[in-house]
């Protein structure tokens, strides 16, 4: 297996995603890979439900853009993208569109019962991705890239 050339890092801006970002940066540096950061705006925010809840979609987008600004990796260009849709399906679709040969994402590390009832974005991406997937489990420690 060769080193990845295009890495897609998917983030929900959680602490687990931040730890996965560190791993994505290290991997991209080591491989000399192109790094794409993706945040998926879920349908609840982008669609009708947002209107019912009174959630200002533009405010969510502004907050997401501010959160996205923290993703930088020394000495590597970082491409930042937003997409709307169900998170797992959208991550897989964007990875295919971008010819990403590696997907990096974090997981909250929930137990089996929670996954049975709620599902898991990381689990679905792992099952359906055609290539390399690196899942970083959230922990209590962290460091900077």
N, C-alpha and C. Protein backbone atom coordinates (compact mmCIF):
# COMPACT_ATOMS: atom_id res chain seq x y z
N UNK A 1 0.84 -1.18 0.00
CA UNK A 1 0.00 0.00 0.00
C UNK A 1 0.88 1.25 0.00
N UNK A 2 0.56 2.19 -0.84
CA UNK A 2 1.34 3.42 -0.92
C UNK A 2 0.76 4.47 0.03
N UNK A 3 1.54 5.50 0.28
CA UNK A 3 1.08 6.59 1.13
C UNK A 3 -0.04 7.36 0.43
N UNK A 4 -0.96 7.90 1.20
CA UNK A 4 -2.07 8.66 0.59
C UNK A 4 -1.57 9.95 -0.06
N UNK A 5 -2.20 10.32 -1.16
CA UNK A 5 -1.86 11.57 -1.86
C UNK A 5 -2.90 12.65 -1.60
N UNK A 6 -4.15 12.23 -1.34
CA UNK A 6 -5.24 13.17 -1.07
C UNK A 6 -5.99 12.67 0.17
N UNK A 7 -5.96 13.48 1.22
CA UNK A 7 -6.58 13.11 2.49
C UNK A 7 -7.78 14.01 2.73
N UNK A 8 -8.93 13.38 2.99
CA UNK A 8 -10.14 14.11 3.36
C UNK A 8 -10.32 13.97 4.87
N UNK A 9 -10.30 15.09 5.56
CA UNK A 9 -10.55 15.12 7.00
C UNK A 9 -11.95 15.67 7.21
N UNK A 10 -12.81 14.89 7.87
CA UNK A 10 -14.18 15.32 8.13
C UNK A 10 -14.30 15.75 9.58
N UNK A 11 -14.93 16.89 9.82
CA UNK A 11 -15.03 17.43 11.17
C UNK A 11 -16.44 17.85 11.53
N UNK A 12 -16.78 17.63 12.80
CA UNK A 12 -18.00 18.19 13.37
C UNK A 12 -17.63 19.23 14.44
N UNK A 13 -16.36 19.58 14.51
CA UNK A 13 -15.80 20.57 15.43
C UNK A 13 -15.80 20.10 16.88
N UNK A 14 -15.96 18.83 17.12
CA UNK A 14 -15.95 18.28 18.49
C UNK A 14 -14.51 18.07 18.95
N UNK A 15 -14.30 17.85 20.24
CA UNK A 15 -12.94 17.54 20.71
C UNK A 15 -12.36 16.30 20.03
N UNK A 16 -13.18 15.30 19.76
CA UNK A 16 -12.71 14.11 19.05
C UNK A 16 -12.23 14.44 17.65
N UNK A 17 -12.95 15.33 16.98
CA UNK A 17 -12.54 15.75 15.64
C UNK A 17 -11.22 16.52 15.71
N UNK A 18 -11.04 17.30 16.74
CA UNK A 18 -9.79 18.05 16.89
C UNK A 18 -8.60 17.11 17.04
N UNK A 19 -8.79 16.01 17.76
CA UNK A 19 -7.71 15.03 17.90
C UNK A 19 -7.46 14.33 16.56
N UNK A 20 -8.52 14.06 15.82
CA UNK A 20 -8.36 13.45 14.50
C UNK A 20 -7.64 14.41 13.55
N UNK A 21 -7.88 15.71 13.71
CA UNK A 21 -7.20 16.71 12.89
C UNK A 21 -5.68 16.63 13.08
N UNK A 22 -5.26 16.45 14.31
CA UNK A 22 -3.83 16.33 14.59
C UNK A 22 -3.25 15.13 13.84
N UNK A 23 -3.96 14.03 13.85
CA UNK A 23 -3.50 12.83 13.13
C UNK A 23 -3.49 13.09 11.62
N UNK A 24 -4.50 13.77 11.11
CA UNK A 24 -4.56 14.07 9.66
C UNK A 24 -3.38 14.94 9.25
N UNK A 25 -3.06 15.93 10.07
CA UNK A 25 -1.91 16.82 9.79
C UNK A 25 -0.60 16.04 9.75
N UNK A 26 -0.40 15.21 10.75
CA UNK A 26 0.84 14.42 10.82
C UNK A 26 0.95 13.49 9.60
N UNK A 27 -0.15 12.85 9.26
CA UNK A 27 -0.16 11.93 8.11
C UNK A 27 0.10 12.70 6.81
N UNK A 28 -0.55 13.83 6.64
CA UNK A 28 -0.37 14.63 5.43
C UNK A 28 1.07 15.11 5.30
N UNK A 29 1.66 15.55 6.41
CA UNK A 29 3.05 15.99 6.39
C UNK A 29 3.98 14.84 6.01
N UNK A 30 3.78 13.69 6.62
CA UNK A 30 4.64 12.53 6.37
C UNK A 30 4.51 12.04 4.94
N UNK A 31 3.31 12.12 4.38
CA UNK A 31 3.06 11.60 3.03
C UNK A 31 3.22 12.68 1.96
N UNK A 32 3.31 13.93 2.37
CA UNK A 32 3.32 15.02 1.38
C UNK A 32 1.99 15.09 0.65
N UNK A 33 0.91 14.83 1.36
CA UNK A 33 -0.42 14.73 0.75
C UNK A 33 -1.17 16.05 0.75
N UNK A 34 -2.10 16.17 -0.17
CA UNK A 34 -3.04 17.29 -0.24
C UNK A 34 -4.09 17.05 0.85
N UNK A 35 -4.43 18.08 1.61
CA UNK A 35 -5.33 17.94 2.74
C UNK A 35 -6.59 18.76 2.51
N UNK A 36 -7.73 18.08 2.60
CA UNK A 36 -9.04 18.72 2.42
C UNK A 36 -9.81 18.57 3.73
N UNK A 37 -10.30 19.69 4.26
CA UNK A 37 -11.11 19.68 5.47
C UNK A 37 -12.57 19.84 5.05
N UNK A 38 -13.43 18.95 5.55
CA UNK A 38 -14.84 18.98 5.20
C UNK A 38 -15.70 19.06 6.45
N UNK A 39 -16.63 19.99 6.45
CA UNK A 39 -17.67 20.02 7.47
C UNK A 39 -19.01 19.81 6.77
N UNK A 40 -19.75 18.82 7.25
CA UNK A 40 -21.05 18.51 6.67
C UNK A 40 -22.12 19.22 7.49
N UNK A 41 -22.93 20.00 6.80
CA UNK A 41 -24.06 20.66 7.43
C UNK A 41 -25.23 19.69 7.34
N UNK A 42 -25.69 19.17 8.49
CA UNK A 42 -26.74 18.15 8.46
C UNK A 42 -28.09 18.71 8.01
N UNK A 43 -28.96 17.84 7.51
CA UNK A 43 -30.26 18.29 7.00
C UNK A 43 -31.09 19.03 8.05
N UNK A 44 -30.95 18.69 9.33
CA UNK A 44 -31.70 19.38 10.37
C UNK A 44 -31.38 20.86 10.40
N UNK A 45 -30.16 21.21 10.06
CA UNK A 45 -29.74 22.61 10.07
C UNK A 45 -30.09 23.27 8.74
N UNK A 46 -29.85 22.54 7.65
CA UNK A 46 -30.00 23.12 6.33
C UNK A 46 -31.45 23.13 5.84
N UNK A 47 -32.33 22.34 6.44
CA UNK A 47 -33.66 22.17 5.88
C UNK A 47 -34.80 22.76 6.69
N UNK A 48 -35.94 22.20 6.45
CA UNK A 48 -37.20 22.68 7.01
C UNK A 48 -37.21 22.68 8.53
N UNK A 49 -36.58 21.67 9.14
CA UNK A 49 -36.56 21.56 10.59
C UNK A 49 -35.90 22.79 11.22
N UNK A 50 -34.92 23.34 10.55
CA UNK A 50 -34.25 24.54 11.06
C UNK A 50 -35.24 25.70 11.14
N UNK A 51 -36.12 25.81 10.15
CA UNK A 51 -37.11 26.88 10.15
C UNK A 51 -38.09 26.67 11.31
N UNK A 52 -38.52 25.41 11.51
CA UNK A 52 -39.46 25.12 12.60
C UNK A 52 -38.85 25.44 13.97
N UNK A 53 -37.58 25.18 14.13
CA UNK A 53 -36.90 25.43 15.41
C UNK A 53 -36.45 26.88 15.55
N UNK A 54 -36.56 27.64 14.49
CA UNK A 54 -36.12 29.02 14.54
C UNK A 54 -34.61 29.17 14.49
N UNK A 55 -33.93 28.14 14.01
CA UNK A 55 -32.48 28.19 13.92
C UNK A 55 -32.07 28.99 12.69
N UNK A 56 -31.38 30.08 12.87
CA UNK A 56 -30.94 30.84 11.70
C UNK A 56 -29.79 30.12 10.99
N UNK A 57 -30.07 29.62 9.80
CA UNK A 57 -29.08 28.85 9.05
C UNK A 57 -27.84 29.69 8.77
N UNK A 58 -28.04 30.97 8.48
CA UNK A 58 -26.89 31.83 8.20
C UNK A 58 -26.00 31.95 9.43
N UNK A 59 -26.60 31.99 10.62
CA UNK A 59 -25.82 32.07 11.85
C UNK A 59 -25.02 30.78 12.05
N UNK A 60 -25.62 29.63 11.79
CA UNK A 60 -24.91 28.37 11.90
C UNK A 60 -23.72 28.37 10.95
N UNK A 61 -23.94 28.80 9.72
CA UNK A 61 -22.88 28.82 8.71
C UNK A 61 -21.73 29.74 9.15
N UNK A 62 -22.07 30.91 9.69
CA UNK A 62 -21.04 31.84 10.17
C UNK A 62 -20.22 31.21 11.30
N UNK A 63 -20.90 30.54 12.24
CA UNK A 63 -20.19 29.89 13.33
C UNK A 63 -19.30 28.77 12.80
N UNK A 64 -19.81 28.02 11.83
CA UNK A 64 -19.02 26.93 11.24
C UNK A 64 -17.80 27.48 10.51
N UNK A 65 -17.95 28.59 9.82
CA UNK A 65 -16.81 29.19 9.11
C UNK A 65 -15.75 29.66 10.10
N UNK A 66 -16.19 30.22 11.23
CA UNK A 66 -15.22 30.63 12.26
C UNK A 66 -14.51 29.42 12.85
N UNK A 67 -15.26 28.35 13.10
CA UNK A 67 -14.66 27.13 13.64
C UNK A 67 -13.70 26.50 12.63
N UNK A 68 -14.04 26.57 11.35
CA UNK A 68 -13.20 26.00 10.29
C UNK A 68 -11.86 26.74 10.20
N UNK A 69 -11.85 28.01 10.57
CA UNK A 69 -10.63 28.82 10.46
C UNK A 69 -9.50 28.28 11.33
N UNK A 70 -9.82 27.53 12.38
CA UNK A 70 -8.76 27.03 13.26
C UNK A 70 -7.97 25.88 12.65
N UNK A 71 -8.46 25.33 11.56
CA UNK A 71 -7.77 24.20 10.94
C UNK A 71 -6.69 24.71 9.99
N UNK A 72 -5.47 24.68 10.47
CA UNK A 72 -4.32 25.00 9.64
C UNK A 72 -3.22 24.01 10.02
N UNK A 73 -2.37 23.74 9.06
CA UNK A 73 -1.32 22.75 9.26
C UNK A 73 -0.02 23.37 8.73
N UNK A 74 0.93 23.57 9.61
CA UNK A 74 2.18 24.22 9.23
C UNK A 74 2.79 23.59 7.99
N UNK A 75 3.18 24.42 7.06
CA UNK A 75 3.89 24.02 5.84
C UNK A 75 3.04 23.23 4.85
N UNK A 76 1.74 23.13 5.07
CA UNK A 76 0.88 22.42 4.13
C UNK A 76 -0.33 23.27 3.76
N UNK A 77 -0.65 23.34 2.48
CA UNK A 77 -1.89 24.02 2.11
C UNK A 77 -3.09 23.17 2.54
N UNK A 78 -4.12 23.83 3.01
CA UNK A 78 -5.33 23.15 3.47
C UNK A 78 -6.51 23.73 2.70
N UNK A 79 -7.25 22.86 2.04
CA UNK A 79 -8.46 23.25 1.32
C UNK A 79 -9.64 23.01 2.25
N UNK A 80 -10.53 24.00 2.39
CA UNK A 80 -11.66 23.88 3.32
C UNK A 80 -12.97 23.90 2.54
N UNK A 81 -13.85 22.94 2.90
CA UNK A 81 -15.11 22.79 2.17
C UNK A 81 -16.28 22.59 3.13
N UNK A 82 -17.44 23.00 2.68
CA UNK A 82 -18.71 22.72 3.35
C UNK A 82 -19.58 21.95 2.37
N UNK A 83 -20.39 21.04 2.89
CA UNK A 83 -21.37 20.34 2.06
C UNK A 83 -22.58 20.05 2.94
N UNK A 84 -23.75 19.97 2.31
CA UNK A 84 -24.98 19.68 3.04
C UNK A 84 -25.41 18.25 2.78
N UNK A 85 -25.95 17.60 3.82
CA UNK A 85 -26.49 16.26 3.66
C UNK A 85 -26.29 15.42 4.90
N UNK A 86 -26.68 14.16 4.78
CA UNK A 86 -26.45 13.21 5.87
C UNK A 86 -24.93 13.04 5.99
N UNK A 87 -24.37 13.12 7.19
CA UNK A 87 -22.92 13.15 7.33
C UNK A 87 -22.16 12.00 6.67
N UNK A 88 -22.50 10.75 6.96
CA UNK A 88 -21.72 9.64 6.40
C UNK A 88 -21.79 9.60 4.88
N UNK A 89 -22.99 9.72 4.34
CA UNK A 89 -23.16 9.69 2.88
C UNK A 89 -22.43 10.84 2.21
N UNK A 90 -22.47 12.01 2.84
CA UNK A 90 -21.83 13.19 2.26
C UNK A 90 -20.31 13.06 2.32
N UNK A 91 -19.79 12.54 3.41
CA UNK A 91 -18.34 12.32 3.50
C UNK A 91 -17.89 11.38 2.39
N UNK A 92 -18.61 10.29 2.21
CA UNK A 92 -18.25 9.31 1.17
C UNK A 92 -18.36 9.93 -0.23
N UNK A 93 -19.41 10.72 -0.46
CA UNK A 93 -19.61 11.35 -1.77
C UNK A 93 -18.48 12.34 -2.08
N UNK A 94 -18.15 13.20 -1.11
CA UNK A 94 -17.09 14.19 -1.32
C UNK A 94 -15.75 13.50 -1.48
N UNK A 95 -15.50 12.45 -0.72
CA UNK A 95 -14.24 11.71 -0.87
C UNK A 95 -14.11 11.16 -2.29
N UNK A 96 -15.21 10.64 -2.83
CA UNK A 96 -15.19 10.12 -4.20
C UNK A 96 -14.97 11.25 -5.21
N UNK A 97 -15.67 12.36 -5.03
CA UNK A 97 -15.53 13.50 -5.94
C UNK A 97 -14.12 14.06 -5.94
N UNK A 98 -13.48 14.05 -4.79
CA UNK A 98 -12.14 14.63 -4.63
C UNK A 98 -11.03 13.60 -4.87
N UNK A 99 -11.41 12.37 -5.20
CA UNK A 99 -10.43 11.29 -5.38
C UNK A 99 -9.53 11.13 -4.16
N UNK A 100 -10.15 11.28 -2.98
CA UNK A 100 -9.39 11.11 -1.73
C UNK A 100 -9.06 9.63 -1.55
N UNK A 101 -7.81 9.34 -1.28
CA UNK A 101 -7.44 7.94 -1.05
C UNK A 101 -7.31 7.64 0.44
N UNK A 102 -7.68 8.60 1.29
CA UNK A 102 -7.70 8.40 2.73
C UNK A 102 -8.73 9.34 3.34
N UNK A 103 -9.53 8.82 4.26
CA UNK A 103 -10.49 9.62 5.02
C UNK A 103 -10.07 9.55 6.48
N UNK A 104 -9.99 10.72 7.12
CA UNK A 104 -9.66 10.78 8.54
C UNK A 104 -10.83 11.44 9.26
N UNK A 105 -11.29 10.80 10.35
CA UNK A 105 -12.36 11.39 11.14
C UNK A 105 -12.25 10.91 12.57
N UNK A 106 -12.88 11.66 13.45
CA UNK A 106 -12.89 11.30 14.86
C UNK A 106 -14.15 10.55 15.21
N UNK A 107 -14.13 9.92 16.36
CA UNK A 107 -15.32 9.26 16.87
C UNK A 107 -15.44 9.58 18.35
N UNK A 108 -16.66 9.61 18.81
CA UNK A 108 -16.90 9.91 20.21
C UNK A 108 -16.67 8.70 21.08
N UNK A 109 -16.56 7.52 20.48
CA UNK A 109 -16.29 6.30 21.23
C UNK A 109 -17.48 5.79 22.01
N UNK A 110 -18.69 6.05 21.52
CA UNK A 110 -19.88 5.56 22.21
C UNK A 110 -19.93 4.05 22.19
N UNK A 111 -20.66 3.48 23.11
CA UNK A 111 -20.76 2.04 23.23
C UNK A 111 -21.69 1.41 22.20
N UNK A 112 -21.78 0.10 22.28
CA UNK A 112 -22.55 -0.70 21.32
C UNK A 112 -24.03 -0.33 21.35
N UNK A 113 -24.61 -0.16 22.52
CA UNK A 113 -26.04 0.15 22.60
C UNK A 113 -26.36 1.48 21.95
N UNK A 114 -25.54 2.48 22.16
CA UNK A 114 -25.78 3.78 21.54
C UNK A 114 -25.70 3.67 20.03
N UNK A 115 -24.71 2.92 19.52
CA UNK A 115 -24.59 2.76 18.06
C UNK A 115 -25.80 2.04 17.48
N UNK A 116 -26.35 1.06 18.23
CA UNK A 116 -27.50 0.32 17.74
C UNK A 116 -28.69 1.24 17.53
N UNK A 117 -28.87 2.20 18.43
CA UNK A 117 -30.03 3.07 18.35
C UNK A 117 -29.79 4.33 17.52
N UNK A 118 -28.60 4.86 17.55
CA UNK A 118 -28.32 6.12 16.88
C UNK A 118 -27.50 5.97 15.59
N UNK A 119 -26.80 4.87 15.44
CA UNK A 119 -25.92 4.73 14.30
C UNK A 119 -24.62 5.46 14.55
N UNK A 120 -23.67 5.30 13.66
CA UNK A 120 -22.38 5.94 13.83
C UNK A 120 -21.85 6.37 12.47
N UNK A 121 -21.54 7.63 12.35
CA UNK A 121 -20.97 8.14 11.11
C UNK A 121 -19.67 7.40 10.80
N UNK A 122 -18.80 7.30 11.80
CA UNK A 122 -17.51 6.63 11.60
C UNK A 122 -17.70 5.19 11.16
N UNK A 123 -18.63 4.50 11.79
CA UNK A 123 -18.86 3.10 11.46
C UNK A 123 -19.34 2.94 10.01
N UNK A 124 -20.25 3.79 9.58
CA UNK A 124 -20.75 3.72 8.20
C UNK A 124 -19.65 4.04 7.20
N UNK A 125 -18.85 5.06 7.49
CA UNK A 125 -17.74 5.40 6.59
C UNK A 125 -16.76 4.24 6.51
N UNK A 126 -16.45 3.64 7.66
CA UNK A 126 -15.55 2.48 7.68
C UNK A 126 -16.08 1.34 6.80
N UNK A 127 -17.37 1.06 6.91
CA UNK A 127 -17.97 -0.04 6.16
C UNK A 127 -18.00 0.21 4.66
N UNK A 128 -18.23 1.47 4.25
CA UNK A 128 -18.53 1.74 2.85
C UNK A 128 -17.41 2.42 2.06
N UNK A 129 -16.40 2.92 2.72
CA UNK A 129 -15.31 3.61 2.01
C UNK A 129 -14.51 2.60 1.19
N UNK A 130 -14.16 2.97 -0.03
CA UNK A 130 -13.40 2.04 -0.88
C UNK A 130 -11.91 1.99 -0.56
N UNK A 131 -11.44 2.93 0.26
CA UNK A 131 -10.00 2.99 0.53
C UNK A 131 -9.70 3.10 2.01
N UNK A 132 -8.57 3.68 2.30
CA UNK A 132 -8.06 3.81 3.66
C UNK A 132 -8.92 4.76 4.49
N UNK A 133 -9.24 4.34 5.72
CA UNK A 133 -9.97 5.19 6.67
C UNK A 133 -9.22 5.15 7.99
N UNK A 134 -8.94 6.32 8.53
CA UNK A 134 -8.31 6.42 9.84
C UNK A 134 -9.33 7.05 10.79
N UNK A 135 -9.74 6.29 11.80
CA UNK A 135 -10.69 6.78 12.79
C UNK A 135 -9.92 6.98 14.10
N UNK A 136 -10.00 8.20 14.64
CA UNK A 136 -9.31 8.53 15.86
C UNK A 136 -10.34 8.66 16.97
N UNK A 137 -10.20 7.83 17.97
CA UNK A 137 -11.15 7.83 19.09
C UNK A 137 -10.83 8.99 20.02
N UNK A 138 -11.86 9.67 20.48
CA UNK A 138 -11.69 10.80 21.40
C UNK A 138 -11.07 10.31 22.71
N UNK A 139 -10.14 11.10 23.22
CA UNK A 139 -9.55 10.82 24.51
C UNK A 139 -9.48 12.11 25.30
N UNK A 140 -9.03 12.03 26.52
CA UNK A 140 -8.95 13.22 27.37
C UNK A 140 -7.72 14.06 27.13
N UNK A 141 -6.80 13.56 26.34
CA UNK A 141 -5.57 14.32 26.12
C UNK A 141 -5.55 14.87 24.71
N UNK A 142 -4.74 15.85 24.47
CA UNK A 142 -4.64 16.45 23.15
C UNK A 142 -3.32 17.16 23.00
N UNK A 143 -2.95 17.42 21.77
CA UNK A 143 -1.73 18.19 21.49
C UNK A 143 -1.95 18.95 20.20
N UNK A 144 -1.08 19.84 19.87
CA UNK A 144 -1.24 20.63 18.65
C UNK A 144 -0.48 20.00 17.50
N UNK A 145 -0.97 20.20 16.27
CA UNK A 145 -0.32 19.59 15.10
C UNK A 145 1.04 20.15 14.79
